[in-house]
C-alpha atoms as a PDB file:
ATOM      1  CA  MET A   1      73.598 -12.345 -48.741  1.00  0.00           C
ATOM      2  CA  ILE A   2      73.079 -12.593 -52.814  1.00  0.00           C
ATOM      3  CA  ARG A   3      74.482 -16.540 -52.189  1.00  0.00           C
ATOM      4  CA  THR A   4      72.127 -17.259 -49.113  1.00  0.00           C
ATOM      5  CA  SER A   5      68.962 -15.616 -51.404  1.00  0.00           C
ATOM      6  CA  TYR A   6      70.243 -17.868 -54.080  1.00  0.00           C
ATOM      7  CA  ILE A   7      70.180 -21.116 -51.894  1.00  0.00           C
ATOM      8  CA  PHE A   8      67.042 -20.362 -50.271  1.00  0.00           C
ATOM      9  CA  ILE A   9      65.642 -19.869 -54.275  1.00  0.00           C
ATOM     10  CA  LEU A  10      67.247 -22.978 -54.496  1.00  0.00           C
ATOM     11  CA  PHE A  11      65.359 -24.670 -51.685  1.00  0.00           C
ATOM     12  CA  PHE A  12      61.970 -23.853 -52.614  1.00  0.00           C
ATOM     13  CA  THR A  13      62.401 -24.857 -55.569  1.00  0.00           C
ATOM     14  CA  LEU A  14      63.380 -28.535 -54.790  1.00  0.00           C
ATOM     15  CA  VAL A  15      60.831 -28.478 -52.803  1.00  0.00           C
ATOM     16  CA  PHE A  16      58.453 -27.672 -55.158  1.00  0.00           C
ATOM     17  CA  GLN A  17      60.217 -29.789 -57.377  1.00  0.00           C
ATOM     18  CA  SER A  18      59.876 -32.794 -55.219  1.00  0.00           C
ATOM     19  CA  GLU A  19      55.598 -33.317 -55.452  1.00  0.00           C
ATOM     20  CA  LEU A  20      56.755 -33.627 -58.961  1.00  0.00           C
ATOM     21  CA  SER A  21      56.662 -37.796 -60.171  1.00  0.00           C
ATOM     22  CA  ALA A  22      59.967 -39.573 -58.149  1.00  0.00           C
ATOM     23  CA  GLN A  23      60.666 -40.455 -62.018  1.00  0.00           C
ATOM     24  CA  GLU A  24      61.592 -37.293 -62.797  1.00  0.00           C
ATOM     25  CA  PRO A  25      65.255 -36.997 -62.919  1.00  0.00           C
ATOM     26  CA  PRO A  26      67.016 -34.817 -59.834  1.00  0.00           C
ATOM     27  CA  THR A  27      67.638 -31.444 -59.754  1.00  0.00           C
ATOM     28  CA  VAL A  28      71.159 -29.972 -59.715  1.00  0.00           C
ATOM     29  CA  ILE A  29      72.279 -27.697 -57.490  1.00  0.00           C
ATOM     30  CA  GLU A  30      75.729 -25.680 -57.941  1.00  0.00           C
ATOM     31  CA  LEU A  31      76.867 -23.732 -54.869  1.00  0.00           C
ATOM     32  CA  PHE A  32      80.589 -21.580 -56.036  1.00  0.00           C
ATOM     33  CA  THR A  33      82.138 -21.357 -52.294  1.00  0.00           C
ATOM     34  CA  SER A  34      85.764 -20.563 -51.008  1.00  0.00           C
ATOM     35  CA  GLN A  35      87.493 -21.649 -47.625  1.00  0.00           C
ATOM     36  CA  GLY A  36      88.486 -17.767 -47.739  1.00  0.00           C
ATOM     37  CA  CYS A  37      84.720 -16.769 -47.525  1.00  0.00           C
ATOM     38  CA  SER A  38      83.198 -15.599 -44.202  1.00  0.00           C
ATOM     39  CA  SER A  39      79.960 -16.640 -45.649  1.00  0.00           C
ATOM     40  CA  CYS A  40      80.187 -20.001 -47.480  1.00  0.00           C
ATOM     41  CA  PRO A  41      80.072 -21.992 -44.607  1.00  0.00           C
ATOM     42  CA  PRO A  42      76.513 -22.046 -43.585  1.00  0.00           C
ATOM     43  CA  ALA A  43      75.518 -22.134 -47.276  1.00  0.00           C
ATOM     44  CA  ASP A  44      78.038 -25.336 -47.393  1.00  0.00           C
ATOM     45  CA  ALA A  45      75.541 -26.291 -44.838  1.00  0.00           C
ATOM     46  CA  VAL A  46      72.323 -25.947 -46.372  1.00  0.00           C
ATOM     47  CA  LEU A  47      74.176 -27.768 -48.997  1.00  0.00           C
ATOM     48  CA  GLU A  48      74.525 -30.625 -47.046  1.00  0.00           C
ATOM     49  CA  GLN A  49      70.924 -29.972 -44.938  1.00  0.00           C
ATOM     50  CA  LEU A  50      69.325 -30.112 -49.038  1.00  0.00           C
ATOM     51  CA  LYS A  51      71.545 -33.386 -49.827  1.00  0.00           C
ATOM     52  CA  THR A  52      70.172 -35.163 -46.411  1.00  0.00           C
ATOM     53  CA  GLU A  53      66.840 -34.584 -46.786  1.00  0.00           C
ATOM     54  CA  PHE A  54      66.663 -35.007 -50.634  1.00  0.00           C
ATOM     55  CA  GLY A  55      68.629 -37.841 -51.308  1.00  0.00           C
ATOM     56  CA  ASP A  56      68.790 -39.220 -54.589  1.00  0.00           C
ATOM     57  CA  ASP A  57      66.260 -36.267 -56.057  1.00  0.00           C
ATOM     58  CA  VAL A  58      68.989 -33.758 -55.768  1.00  0.00           C
ATOM     59  CA  ILE A  59      72.932 -33.647 -57.309  1.00  0.00           C
ATOM     60  CA  THR A  60      75.137 -31.042 -55.396  1.00  0.00           C
ATOM     61  CA  LEU A  61      77.740 -30.020 -56.390  1.00  0.00           C
ATOM     62  CA  SER A  62      80.129 -27.615 -54.511  1.00  0.00           C
ATOM     63  CA  TYR A  63      82.246 -25.166 -56.685  1.00  0.00           C
ATOM     64  CA  HIS A  64      85.660 -24.105 -54.574  1.00  0.00           C
ATOM     65  CA  VAL A  65      86.529 -20.445 -56.670  1.00  0.00           C
ATOM     66  CA  ASP A  66      90.238 -18.713 -56.135  1.00  0.00           C
ATOM     67  CA  TYR A  67      88.788 -15.156 -56.060  1.00  0.00           C
ATOM     68  CA  TRP A  68      88.411 -14.919 -52.161  1.00  0.00           C
ATOM     69  CA  ASP A  69      92.150 -15.840 -52.350  1.00  0.00           C
ATOM     70  CA  TYR A  70      93.390 -12.464 -51.889  1.00  0.00           C
ATOM     71  CA  ILE A  71      92.028 -12.148 -48.885  1.00  0.00           C
ATOM     72  CA  GLY A  72      95.030 -14.022 -47.243  1.00  0.00           C
ATOM     73  CA  TRP A  73      93.836 -17.745 -46.606  1.00  0.00           C
ATOM     74  CA  LYS A  74      94.742 -19.698 -49.866  1.00  0.00           C
ATOM     75  CA  ASP A  75      91.831 -22.235 -50.599  1.00  0.00           C
ATOM     76  CA  PRO A  76      93.324 -25.079 -51.447  1.00  0.00           C
ATOM     77  CA  PHE A  77      90.322 -26.628 -53.350  1.00  0.00           C
ATOM     78  CA  ALA A  78      90.287 -23.696 -55.838  1.00  0.00           C
ATOM     79  CA  THR A  79      90.214 -23.117 -59.589  1.00  0.00           C
ATOM     80  CA  LYS A  80      90.291 -20.597 -61.817  1.00  0.00           C
ATOM     81  CA  GLY A  81      88.042 -22.931 -64.190  1.00  0.00           C
ATOM     82  CA  PHE A  82      85.622 -22.953 -61.563  1.00  0.00           C
ATOM     83  CA  THR A  83      85.880 -19.260 -60.930  1.00  0.00           C
ATOM     84  CA  GLN A  84      85.049 -19.203 -64.568  1.00  0.00           C
ATOM     85  CA  LYS A  85      82.171 -21.222 -64.324  1.00  0.00           C
ATOM     86  CA  GLN A  86      80.611 -19.175 -62.527  1.00  0.00           C
ATOM     87  CA  TYR A  87      80.728 -16.216 -64.489  1.00  0.00           C
ATOM     88  CA  ASN A  88      80.045 -17.914 -67.601  1.00  0.00           C
END
């Protein structure tokens, strides 16, 4: 729920950002995700939609975190480094 809220906040920020001059640097959107997270696929889809809609005006980054691995599905892309990046 909190992650979804962050995505929507980022989305509206991006919408207002796109109204600015095309000479502005691209907006970076970071998503912390995991294959073991049930809420993450919808957030991944929103991230993809943002990239499709805004093209070169955004840079989208997905970081796979490892704290969902305990559920039983180990995400092969997850790293402790990405988890630490989220906490920092």
